């Protein structure tokens, strides 16, 4: 009777050999991250990059009535609105090509709202795009396009655009 094992043996401090093999296999065969997870990783990488370039991060993932702003930074007294695009594979085009004119218009609309909400009417504004290609294996590649696009005005078709030189003040043009 003394050499029988107890009914509930205590788990050993060492895990079985097959468990370590399974965990290694799981690490090798893990699924690629979802688009949302990949996007968050890209935004964090872009934020670290911009800090190293001398930007001060003011806001991130700002949701406004006009749209969403990924990163809002300040560089040399210039408000910089950064759109971050992250893709898994390089493809034929840069991830920056996904920032269409319609997307630019939404970013500009959200920026106008941000400027109004934070009383920044006299700020100079620049729109940048950071395109990141992050393959499953290997290091991410980052492309920074400074001043990627200008202000876009959302207007109804047929509405005349008042040229900048028509005597309007700078704050009227931004707001």
N, C-alpha and C. Protein backbone atom coordinates (compact mmCIF):
# COMPACT_ATOMS: atom_id res chain seq x y z
N UNK A 1 0.79 -1.20 0.00
CA UNK A 1 0.00 0.00 0.00
C UNK A 1 0.84 1.26 0.00
N UNK A 2 2.03 1.20 0.47
CA UNK A 2 2.86 2.38 0.58
C UNK A 2 3.41 2.86 -0.74
N UNK A 3 3.46 1.99 -1.78
CA UNK A 3 4.04 2.44 -3.04
C UNK A 3 3.00 2.84 -4.08
N UNK A 4 1.78 3.08 -3.68
CA UNK A 4 0.76 3.58 -4.62
C UNK A 4 0.85 5.09 -4.71
N UNK A 5 0.57 5.64 -5.91
CA UNK A 5 0.60 7.09 -6.10
C UNK A 5 -0.70 7.70 -5.59
N UNK A 6 -0.65 8.92 -5.07
CA UNK A 6 -1.88 9.56 -4.61
C UNK A 6 -2.83 9.80 -5.78
N UNK A 7 -4.14 9.91 -5.46
CA UNK A 7 -5.17 10.09 -6.50
C UNK A 7 -4.99 11.42 -7.24
N UNK A 8 -4.64 12.47 -6.55
CA UNK A 8 -4.42 13.79 -7.16
C UNK A 8 -2.95 14.18 -7.02
N UNK A 9 -2.13 13.81 -7.97
CA UNK A 9 -0.72 14.17 -7.83
C UNK A 9 -0.54 15.67 -7.96
N UNK A 10 0.41 16.21 -7.23
CA UNK A 10 0.72 17.65 -7.31
C UNK A 10 1.37 17.95 -8.66
N UNK A 11 1.00 19.05 -9.27
CA UNK A 11 1.67 19.38 -10.53
C UNK A 11 3.13 19.71 -10.26
N UNK A 12 3.98 19.23 -11.12
CA UNK A 12 5.40 19.47 -10.93
C UNK A 12 5.75 20.89 -11.34
N UNK A 13 6.85 21.39 -10.82
CA UNK A 13 7.26 22.74 -11.16
C UNK A 13 7.74 22.83 -12.61
N UNK A 14 8.18 21.71 -13.17
CA UNK A 14 8.60 21.69 -14.57
C UNK A 14 7.45 21.24 -15.44
N UNK A 15 7.21 21.95 -16.53
CA UNK A 15 6.14 21.55 -17.44
C UNK A 15 6.64 20.40 -18.31
N UNK A 16 5.73 19.57 -18.76
CA UNK A 16 6.13 18.44 -19.60
C UNK A 16 6.81 18.91 -20.89
N UNK A 17 7.61 18.06 -21.43
CA UNK A 17 8.37 18.39 -22.64
C UNK A 17 7.45 18.71 -23.82
N UNK A 18 6.35 18.00 -23.94
CA UNK A 18 5.42 18.24 -25.04
C UNK A 18 4.80 19.62 -24.96
N UNK A 19 4.64 20.14 -23.75
CA UNK A 19 4.05 21.47 -23.59
C UNK A 19 4.98 22.53 -24.18
N UNK A 20 6.28 22.41 -23.93
CA UNK A 20 7.21 23.39 -24.49
C UNK A 20 7.26 23.29 -26.01
N UNK A 21 7.12 22.08 -26.54
CA UNK A 21 7.08 21.91 -28.00
C UNK A 21 5.84 22.57 -28.58
N UNK A 22 4.71 22.42 -27.89
CA UNK A 22 3.48 23.05 -28.37
C UNK A 22 3.56 24.56 -28.33
N UNK A 23 4.14 25.11 -27.26
CA UNK A 23 4.23 26.57 -27.18
C UNK A 23 5.16 27.11 -28.26
N UNK A 24 6.24 26.39 -28.56
CA UNK A 24 7.14 26.82 -29.63
C UNK A 24 6.43 26.76 -30.98
N UNK A 25 5.66 25.70 -31.20
CA UNK A 25 4.91 25.56 -32.44
C UNK A 25 3.87 26.67 -32.56
N UNK A 26 3.23 27.02 -31.46
CA UNK A 26 2.23 28.09 -31.48
C UNK A 26 2.88 29.43 -31.84
N UNK A 27 4.09 29.68 -31.34
CA UNK A 27 4.78 30.92 -31.67
C UNK A 27 5.15 30.98 -33.14
N UNK A 28 5.55 29.85 -33.70
CA UNK A 28 5.94 29.81 -35.11
C UNK A 28 4.72 29.97 -36.01
N UNK A 29 3.62 29.32 -35.65
CA UNK A 29 2.44 29.27 -36.51
C UNK A 29 1.38 30.29 -36.13
N UNK A 30 1.71 31.27 -35.33
CA UNK A 30 0.66 32.19 -34.90
C UNK A 30 0.09 32.97 -36.09
N UNK A 31 -1.17 33.29 -35.93
CA UNK A 31 -1.86 34.02 -36.99
C UNK A 31 -1.35 35.45 -37.05
N UNK A 32 -1.36 36.03 -38.24
CA UNK A 32 -0.95 37.43 -38.34
C UNK A 32 -1.95 38.31 -37.58
N UNK A 33 -1.52 39.48 -37.12
CA UNK A 33 -2.41 40.35 -36.37
C UNK A 33 -3.56 40.86 -37.23
N UNK A 34 -4.66 41.16 -36.57
CA UNK A 34 -5.81 41.73 -37.29
C UNK A 34 -5.45 43.13 -37.76
N UNK A 35 -6.27 43.67 -38.63
CA UNK A 35 -6.02 45.02 -39.17
C UNK A 35 -6.00 46.06 -38.05
N UNK A 36 -6.90 45.91 -37.09
CA UNK A 36 -6.95 46.87 -35.97
C UNK A 36 -5.68 46.81 -35.13
N UNK A 37 -5.23 45.60 -34.81
CA UNK A 37 -4.00 45.43 -34.02
C UNK A 37 -2.81 45.97 -34.80
N UNK A 38 -2.74 45.65 -36.08
CA UNK A 38 -1.64 46.13 -36.92
C UNK A 38 -1.65 47.66 -36.99
N UNK A 39 -2.83 48.25 -37.09
CA UNK A 39 -2.95 49.71 -37.12
C UNK A 39 -2.46 50.36 -35.83
N UNK A 40 -2.82 49.77 -34.69
CA UNK A 40 -2.36 50.30 -33.40
C UNK A 40 -0.84 50.20 -33.28
N UNK A 41 -0.29 49.07 -33.71
CA UNK A 41 1.18 48.91 -33.68
C UNK A 41 1.84 49.97 -34.55
N UNK A 42 1.27 50.20 -35.73
CA UNK A 42 1.81 51.21 -36.64
C UNK A 42 1.76 52.60 -36.04
N UNK A 43 0.66 52.93 -35.36
CA UNK A 43 0.54 54.25 -34.74
C UNK A 43 1.56 54.42 -33.62
N UNK A 44 1.80 53.36 -32.85
CA UNK A 44 2.80 53.44 -31.78
C UNK A 44 4.21 53.62 -32.37
N UNK A 45 4.50 52.89 -33.46
CA UNK A 45 5.79 53.03 -34.12
C UNK A 45 5.95 54.45 -34.67
N UNK A 46 4.91 54.97 -35.30
CA UNK A 46 4.96 56.33 -35.85
C UNK A 46 5.15 57.35 -34.74
N UNK A 47 4.51 57.14 -33.62
CA UNK A 47 4.65 58.06 -32.49
C UNK A 47 6.10 58.08 -31.97
N UNK A 48 6.70 56.90 -31.82
CA UNK A 48 8.10 56.83 -31.39
C UNK A 48 9.02 57.53 -32.40
N UNK A 49 8.77 57.29 -33.68
CA UNK A 49 9.56 57.90 -34.74
C UNK A 49 9.47 59.42 -34.68
N UNK A 50 8.24 59.94 -34.55
CA UNK A 50 8.05 61.40 -34.53
C UNK A 50 8.69 62.03 -33.30
N UNK A 51 8.62 61.35 -32.17
CA UNK A 51 9.30 61.87 -30.97
C UNK A 51 10.80 62.01 -31.21
N UNK A 52 11.38 60.99 -31.85
CA UNK A 52 12.82 61.05 -32.15
C UNK A 52 13.15 62.18 -33.13
N UNK A 53 12.17 62.54 -33.97
CA UNK A 53 12.38 63.62 -34.94
C UNK A 53 12.15 65.00 -34.33
N UNK A 54 11.78 65.06 -33.05
CA UNK A 54 11.60 66.35 -32.38
C UNK A 54 10.17 66.83 -32.27
N UNK A 55 9.20 66.00 -32.62
CA UNK A 55 7.79 66.38 -32.48
C UNK A 55 7.36 66.19 -31.03
N UNK A 56 6.41 67.02 -30.62
CA UNK A 56 5.78 66.83 -29.32
C UNK A 56 4.37 66.30 -29.60
N UNK A 57 4.07 65.13 -29.08
CA UNK A 57 2.76 64.51 -29.32
C UNK A 57 1.73 65.23 -28.45
N UNK A 58 0.69 65.76 -29.10
CA UNK A 58 -0.36 66.49 -28.39
C UNK A 58 -1.58 65.61 -28.18
N UNK A 59 -1.99 64.89 -29.21
CA UNK A 59 -3.18 64.02 -29.14
C UNK A 59 -2.99 62.83 -30.04
N UNK A 60 -3.72 61.77 -29.73
CA UNK A 60 -3.72 60.58 -30.58
C UNK A 60 -5.14 60.03 -30.67
N UNK A 61 -5.49 59.53 -31.84
CA UNK A 61 -6.81 58.94 -32.10
C UNK A 61 -7.95 59.84 -31.65
N UNK A 62 -7.97 61.05 -32.18
CA UNK A 62 -8.99 62.03 -31.83
C UNK A 62 -10.19 61.82 -32.74
N UNK A 63 -11.34 61.52 -32.16
CA UNK A 63 -12.57 61.35 -32.93
C UNK A 63 -13.39 62.63 -32.81
N UNK A 64 -13.65 63.24 -33.94
CA UNK A 64 -14.41 64.48 -33.98
C UNK A 64 -15.60 64.32 -34.92
N UNK A 65 -16.45 65.31 -34.93
CA UNK A 65 -17.63 65.27 -35.80
C UNK A 65 -17.25 65.11 -37.26
N UNK A 66 -16.16 65.76 -37.67
CA UNK A 66 -15.75 65.72 -39.06
C UNK A 66 -14.99 64.46 -39.47
N UNK A 67 -14.44 63.72 -38.51
CA UNK A 67 -13.65 62.53 -38.83
C UNK A 67 -12.70 62.20 -37.70
N UNK A 68 -11.66 61.44 -38.00
CA UNK A 68 -10.70 61.02 -36.99
C UNK A 68 -9.30 61.49 -37.37
N UNK A 69 -8.54 61.90 -36.35
CA UNK A 69 -7.14 62.30 -36.54
C UNK A 69 -6.28 61.28 -35.81
N UNK A 70 -5.36 60.63 -36.52
CA UNK A 70 -4.52 59.60 -35.90
C UNK A 70 -3.56 60.20 -34.88
N UNK A 71 -2.75 61.15 -35.30
CA UNK A 71 -1.80 61.80 -34.40
C UNK A 71 -1.81 63.30 -34.64
N UNK A 72 -1.78 64.07 -33.56
CA UNK A 72 -1.65 65.52 -33.64
C UNK A 72 -0.38 65.87 -32.87
N UNK A 73 0.56 66.52 -33.57
CA UNK A 73 1.84 66.85 -32.95
C UNK A 73 2.15 68.32 -33.17
N UNK A 74 3.18 68.78 -32.48
CA UNK A 74 3.69 70.14 -32.69
C UNK A 74 5.16 70.03 -33.01
N UNK A 75 5.56 70.69 -34.10
CA UNK A 75 6.96 70.75 -34.48
C UNK A 75 7.28 72.19 -34.85
N UNK A 76 8.18 72.80 -34.09
CA UNK A 76 8.58 74.19 -34.36
C UNK A 76 7.39 75.12 -34.53
N UNK A 77 6.49 75.12 -33.59
CA UNK A 77 5.31 75.99 -33.57
C UNK A 77 4.35 75.73 -34.74
N UNK A 78 4.45 74.60 -35.36
CA UNK A 78 3.53 74.20 -36.42
C UNK A 78 2.71 73.02 -35.94
N UNK A 79 1.41 73.11 -36.09
CA UNK A 79 0.53 72.00 -35.76
C UNK A 79 0.63 70.99 -36.90
N UNK A 80 1.00 69.75 -36.58
CA UNK A 80 1.18 68.73 -37.61
C UNK A 80 0.13 67.64 -37.37
N UNK A 81 -0.71 67.43 -38.37
CA UNK A 81 -1.71 66.36 -38.31
C UNK A 81 -1.17 65.20 -39.14
N UNK A 82 -1.04 64.04 -38.50
CA UNK A 82 -0.39 62.89 -39.12
C UNK A 82 -1.40 61.78 -39.33
N UNK A 83 -1.51 61.32 -40.55
CA UNK A 83 -2.32 60.14 -40.89
C UNK A 83 -1.36 58.97 -41.01
N UNK A 84 -1.63 57.90 -40.27
CA UNK A 84 -0.76 56.73 -40.27
C UNK A 84 -1.48 55.60 -41.02
N UNK A 85 -0.80 55.04 -42.00
CA UNK A 85 -1.33 53.90 -42.75
C UNK A 85 -0.34 52.74 -42.63
N UNK A 86 -0.83 51.61 -42.18
CA UNK A 86 0.02 50.44 -41.98
C UNK A 86 -0.53 49.28 -42.80
N UNK A 87 0.35 48.60 -43.50
CA UNK A 87 -0.01 47.43 -44.29
C UNK A 87 0.96 46.30 -43.99
N UNK A 88 0.50 45.07 -44.20
CA UNK A 88 1.33 43.90 -43.96
C UNK A 88 2.33 43.66 -45.07
N UNK A 89 1.87 43.73 -46.30
CA UNK A 89 2.75 43.44 -47.44
C UNK A 89 2.92 44.70 -48.28
N UNK A 90 4.06 44.83 -48.93
CA UNK A 90 4.32 46.06 -49.69
C UNK A 90 3.36 46.27 -50.85
N UNK A 91 3.00 45.24 -51.56
CA UNK A 91 2.11 45.41 -52.70
C UNK A 91 2.75 46.27 -53.78
N UNK A 92 1.91 46.73 -54.71
CA UNK A 92 2.44 47.55 -55.80
C UNK A 92 2.53 49.01 -55.41
N UNK A 93 1.69 49.43 -54.46
CA UNK A 93 1.66 50.84 -54.09
C UNK A 93 1.98 51.00 -52.60
N UNK A 94 2.42 52.19 -52.27
CA UNK A 94 2.69 52.52 -50.87
C UNK A 94 1.37 52.57 -50.09
N UNK A 95 1.41 52.28 -48.80
CA UNK A 95 0.19 52.43 -48.00
C UNK A 95 -0.34 53.87 -48.02
N UNK A 96 0.52 54.83 -48.30
CA UNK A 96 0.10 56.23 -48.36
C UNK A 96 -0.91 56.47 -49.48
N UNK A 97 -0.91 55.62 -50.50
CA UNK A 97 -1.85 55.77 -51.61
C UNK A 97 -3.30 55.56 -51.16
N UNK A 98 -3.47 54.97 -49.98
CA UNK A 98 -4.83 54.75 -49.45
C UNK A 98 -5.44 56.04 -48.91
N UNK A 99 -4.65 57.10 -48.79
CA UNK A 99 -5.18 58.38 -48.33
C UNK A 99 -5.69 59.12 -49.57
N UNK A 100 -6.91 58.85 -49.91
CA UNK A 100 -7.54 59.41 -51.11
C UNK A 100 -7.94 60.87 -50.87
N UNK A 101 -8.40 61.52 -51.93
CA UNK A 101 -8.88 62.91 -51.78
C UNK A 101 -10.04 62.98 -50.80
N UNK A 102 -10.92 61.99 -50.83
CA UNK A 102 -12.05 61.99 -49.89
C UNK A 102 -11.56 61.88 -48.45
N UNK A 103 -10.57 61.02 -48.22
CA UNK A 103 -9.99 60.87 -46.88
C UNK A 103 -9.30 62.17 -46.47
N UNK A 104 -8.60 62.81 -47.40
CA UNK A 104 -7.95 64.08 -47.11
C UNK A 104 -8.97 65.14 -46.71
N UNK A 105 -10.10 65.16 -47.40
CA UNK A 105 -11.17 66.10 -47.08
C UNK A 105 -11.69 65.85 -45.67
N UNK A 106 -11.89 64.58 -45.30
CA UNK A 106 -12.36 64.25 -43.95
C UNK A 106 -11.33 64.67 -42.89
N UNK A 107 -10.05 64.46 -43.19
CA UNK A 107 -9.00 64.86 -42.25
C UNK A 107 -9.00 66.38 -42.08
N UNK A 108 -9.15 67.11 -43.18
CA UNK A 108 -9.19 68.57 -43.11
C UNK A 108 -10.40 69.06 -42.33
N UNK A 109 -11.54 68.41 -42.54
CA UNK A 109 -12.76 68.79 -41.82
C UNK A 109 -12.57 68.56 -40.31
N UNK A 110 -11.97 67.41 -39.95
CA UNK A 110 -11.72 67.12 -38.54
C UNK A 110 -10.69 68.08 -37.96
N UNK A 111 -9.71 68.48 -38.76
CA UNK A 111 -8.69 69.43 -38.30
C UNK A 111 -9.31 70.78 -38.02
N UNK A 112 -10.20 71.22 -38.89
CA UNK A 112 -10.90 72.49 -38.66
C UNK A 112 -11.65 72.45 -37.33
N UNK A 113 -12.33 71.33 -37.10
CA UNK A 113 -13.07 71.17 -35.84
C UNK A 113 -12.10 71.17 -34.66
N UNK A 114 -10.97 70.51 -34.78
CA UNK A 114 -9.96 70.45 -33.72
C UNK A 114 -9.42 71.86 -33.43
N UNK A 115 -9.14 72.63 -34.49
CA UNK A 115 -8.64 73.99 -34.33
C UNK A 115 -9.68 74.86 -33.61
N UNK A 116 -10.95 74.72 -34.00
CA UNK A 116 -12.02 75.48 -33.32
C UNK A 116 -12.12 75.09 -31.86
N UNK A 117 -12.14 73.78 -31.59
CA UNK A 117 -12.31 73.30 -30.21
C UNK A 117 -11.17 73.73 -29.29
N UNK A 118 -9.95 73.83 -29.85
CA UNK A 118 -8.79 74.16 -29.03
C UNK A 118 -8.32 75.61 -29.21
N UNK A 119 -9.11 76.43 -29.90
CA UNK A 119 -8.83 77.87 -30.08
C UNK A 119 -7.42 78.10 -30.66
N UNK A 120 -7.14 77.46 -31.77
CA UNK A 120 -5.83 77.54 -32.41
C UNK A 120 -5.90 78.24 -33.77
N UNK A 121 -6.73 79.25 -33.88
CA UNK A 121 -7.01 79.86 -35.18
C UNK A 121 -5.76 80.43 -35.87
N UNK A 122 -4.75 80.84 -35.11
CA UNK A 122 -3.58 81.45 -35.74
C UNK A 122 -2.45 80.45 -35.97
N UNK A 123 -2.70 79.18 -35.73
CA UNK A 123 -1.65 78.16 -35.91
C UNK A 123 -1.42 77.87 -37.38
N UNK A 124 -0.16 77.63 -37.74
CA UNK A 124 0.09 77.11 -39.07
C UNK A 124 -0.05 75.59 -38.98
N UNK A 125 -0.57 74.99 -40.03
CA UNK A 125 -0.91 73.56 -40.02
C UNK A 125 -0.23 72.87 -41.18
N UNK A 126 0.25 71.66 -40.92
CA UNK A 126 0.84 70.83 -41.97
C UNK A 126 0.23 69.43 -41.85
N UNK A 127 0.01 68.80 -43.00
CA UNK A 127 -0.55 67.45 -43.04
C UNK A 127 0.53 66.48 -43.51
N UNK A 128 0.85 65.51 -42.67
CA UNK A 128 1.85 64.50 -43.00
C UNK A 128 1.19 63.14 -43.10
N UNK A 129 1.83 62.26 -43.84
CA UNK A 129 1.41 60.85 -43.90
C UNK A 129 2.61 60.00 -43.54
N UNK A 130 2.38 59.04 -42.65
CA UNK A 130 3.41 58.04 -42.35
C UNK A 130 2.88 56.71 -42.85
N UNK A 131 3.59 56.14 -43.82
CA UNK A 131 3.21 54.85 -44.41
C UNK A 131 4.16 53.78 -43.88
N UNK A 132 3.58 52.75 -43.27
CA UNK A 132 4.38 51.68 -42.68
C UNK A 132 4.03 50.37 -43.35
N UNK A 133 5.05 49.66 -43.80
CA UNK A 133 4.88 48.30 -44.30
C UNK A 133 5.49 47.39 -43.25
N UNK A 134 4.64 46.54 -42.64
CA UNK A 134 5.07 45.71 -41.52
C UNK A 134 4.85 44.25 -41.89
N UNK A 135 5.86 43.60 -42.48
CA UNK A 135 5.69 42.19 -42.88
C UNK A 135 5.61 41.29 -41.65
N UNK A 136 5.09 40.06 -41.85
CA UNK A 136 4.98 39.11 -40.75
C UNK A 136 6.36 38.74 -40.20
N UNK A 137 7.33 38.64 -41.09
CA UNK A 137 8.70 38.32 -40.68
C UNK A 137 9.58 39.47 -41.16
N UNK A 138 10.37 40.01 -40.27
CA UNK A 138 11.26 41.11 -40.64
C UNK A 138 10.88 42.39 -39.95
N UNK A 139 11.64 43.42 -40.26
CA UNK A 139 11.45 44.71 -39.62
C UNK A 139 10.50 45.58 -40.43
N UNK A 140 9.74 46.44 -39.73
CA UNK A 140 8.85 47.35 -40.46
C UNK A 140 9.64 48.43 -41.20
N UNK A 141 9.07 48.87 -42.32
CA UNK A 141 9.66 49.96 -43.10
C UNK A 141 8.73 51.16 -43.00
N UNK A 142 9.30 52.30 -42.67
CA UNK A 142 8.52 53.50 -42.44
C UNK A 142 8.89 54.56 -43.47
N UNK A 143 7.87 55.20 -44.04
CA UNK A 143 8.05 56.27 -45.02
C UNK A 143 7.28 57.49 -44.52
N UNK A 144 7.98 58.61 -44.32
CA UNK A 144 7.36 59.83 -43.80
C UNK A 144 7.25 60.86 -44.92
N UNK A 145 6.02 61.22 -45.25
CA UNK A 145 5.78 62.25 -46.27
C UNK A 145 5.37 63.54 -45.56
N UNK A 146 6.29 64.47 -45.48
CA UNK A 146 6.03 65.77 -44.84
C UNK A 146 5.25 66.65 -45.82
N UNK A 147 4.22 67.31 -45.32
CA UNK A 147 3.42 68.19 -46.19
C UNK A 147 2.80 67.41 -47.33
N UNK A 148 2.24 66.25 -47.02
CA UNK A 148 1.75 65.33 -48.05
C UNK A 148 0.59 65.91 -48.87
N UNK A 149 -0.23 66.73 -48.23
CA UNK A 149 -1.33 67.35 -48.98
C UNK A 149 -1.68 68.68 -48.33
N UNK A 150 -2.41 69.50 -49.10
CA UNK A 150 -2.82 70.82 -48.64
C UNK A 150 -4.26 70.74 -48.13
N UNK A 151 -4.74 71.86 -47.63
CA UNK A 151 -6.12 71.93 -47.18
C UNK A 151 -7.07 71.50 -48.30
N UNK A 152 -8.03 70.70 -47.97
CA UNK A 152 -9.09 70.31 -48.90
C UNK A 152 -10.38 70.92 -48.41
N UNK A 153 -11.12 71.51 -49.32
CA UNK A 153 -12.38 72.14 -48.96
C UNK A 153 -13.51 71.24 -49.42
N UNK A 154 -14.34 70.84 -48.46
CA UNK A 154 -15.50 70.05 -48.85
C UNK A 154 -16.60 71.03 -49.23
N UNK A 155 -17.08 70.92 -50.43
CA UNK A 155 -18.08 71.86 -50.93
C UNK A 155 -19.02 71.13 -51.88
N UNK A 156 -20.15 71.72 -52.07
CA UNK A 156 -21.11 71.16 -53.02
C UNK A 156 -20.61 71.42 -54.43
N UNK A 157 -20.89 70.52 -55.38
CA UNK A 157 -20.47 70.76 -56.77
C UNK A 157 -21.07 72.06 -57.29
N UNK A 158 -20.27 72.80 -58.00
CA UNK A 158 -20.75 74.06 -58.57
C UNK A 158 -20.55 75.26 -57.67
N UNK A 159 -20.14 75.05 -56.43
CA UNK A 159 -19.91 76.17 -55.52
C UNK A 159 -18.57 76.79 -55.85
N UNK A 160 -18.53 78.09 -56.08
CA UNK A 160 -17.25 78.72 -56.43
C UNK A 160 -16.30 78.71 -55.24
N UNK A 161 -15.01 78.54 -55.52
CA UNK A 161 -13.98 78.61 -54.49
C UNK A 161 -13.42 80.02 -54.50
N UNK A 162 -13.40 80.66 -53.35
CA UNK A 162 -12.85 82.01 -53.24
C UNK A 162 -11.33 81.87 -53.17
N UNK A 163 -10.60 82.48 -54.08
CA UNK A 163 -9.15 82.35 -54.05
C UNK A 163 -8.56 82.98 -52.80
N UNK A 164 -7.38 82.49 -52.39
CA UNK A 164 -6.73 82.97 -51.18
C UNK A 164 -6.40 84.45 -51.23
N UNK A 165 -6.08 84.96 -52.37
CA UNK A 165 -5.68 86.36 -52.48
C UNK A 165 -6.83 87.33 -52.54
N UNK A 166 -8.02 86.95 -52.12
CA UNK A 166 -9.18 87.81 -52.28
C UNK A 166 -9.42 88.72 -51.09
N UNK A 167 -8.41 88.87 -50.22
CA UNK A 167 -8.58 89.80 -49.12
C UNK A 167 -9.09 89.15 -47.85
N UNK A 168 -9.28 87.86 -47.85
CA UNK A 168 -9.72 87.20 -46.62
C UNK A 168 -8.53 87.05 -45.69
N UNK A 169 -8.81 87.03 -44.40
CA UNK A 169 -7.73 86.88 -43.44
C UNK A 169 -7.33 85.41 -43.34
N UNK A 170 -6.20 85.18 -42.73
CA UNK A 170 -5.68 83.82 -42.58
C UNK A 170 -6.63 82.95 -41.77
N UNK A 171 -7.22 83.51 -40.72
CA UNK A 171 -8.11 82.72 -39.86
C UNK A 171 -9.39 82.35 -40.62
N UNK A 172 -9.84 83.21 -41.52
CA UNK A 172 -11.03 82.88 -42.32
C UNK A 172 -10.75 81.70 -43.23
N UNK A 173 -9.53 81.64 -43.78
CA UNK A 173 -9.19 80.54 -44.68
C UNK A 173 -9.10 79.22 -43.93
N UNK A 174 -8.59 79.25 -42.69
CA UNK A 174 -8.43 78.01 -41.93
C UNK A 174 -9.74 77.54 -41.35
N UNK A 175 -10.61 78.41 -40.98
CA UNK A 175 -11.85 78.02 -40.30
C UNK A 175 -12.94 77.82 -41.19
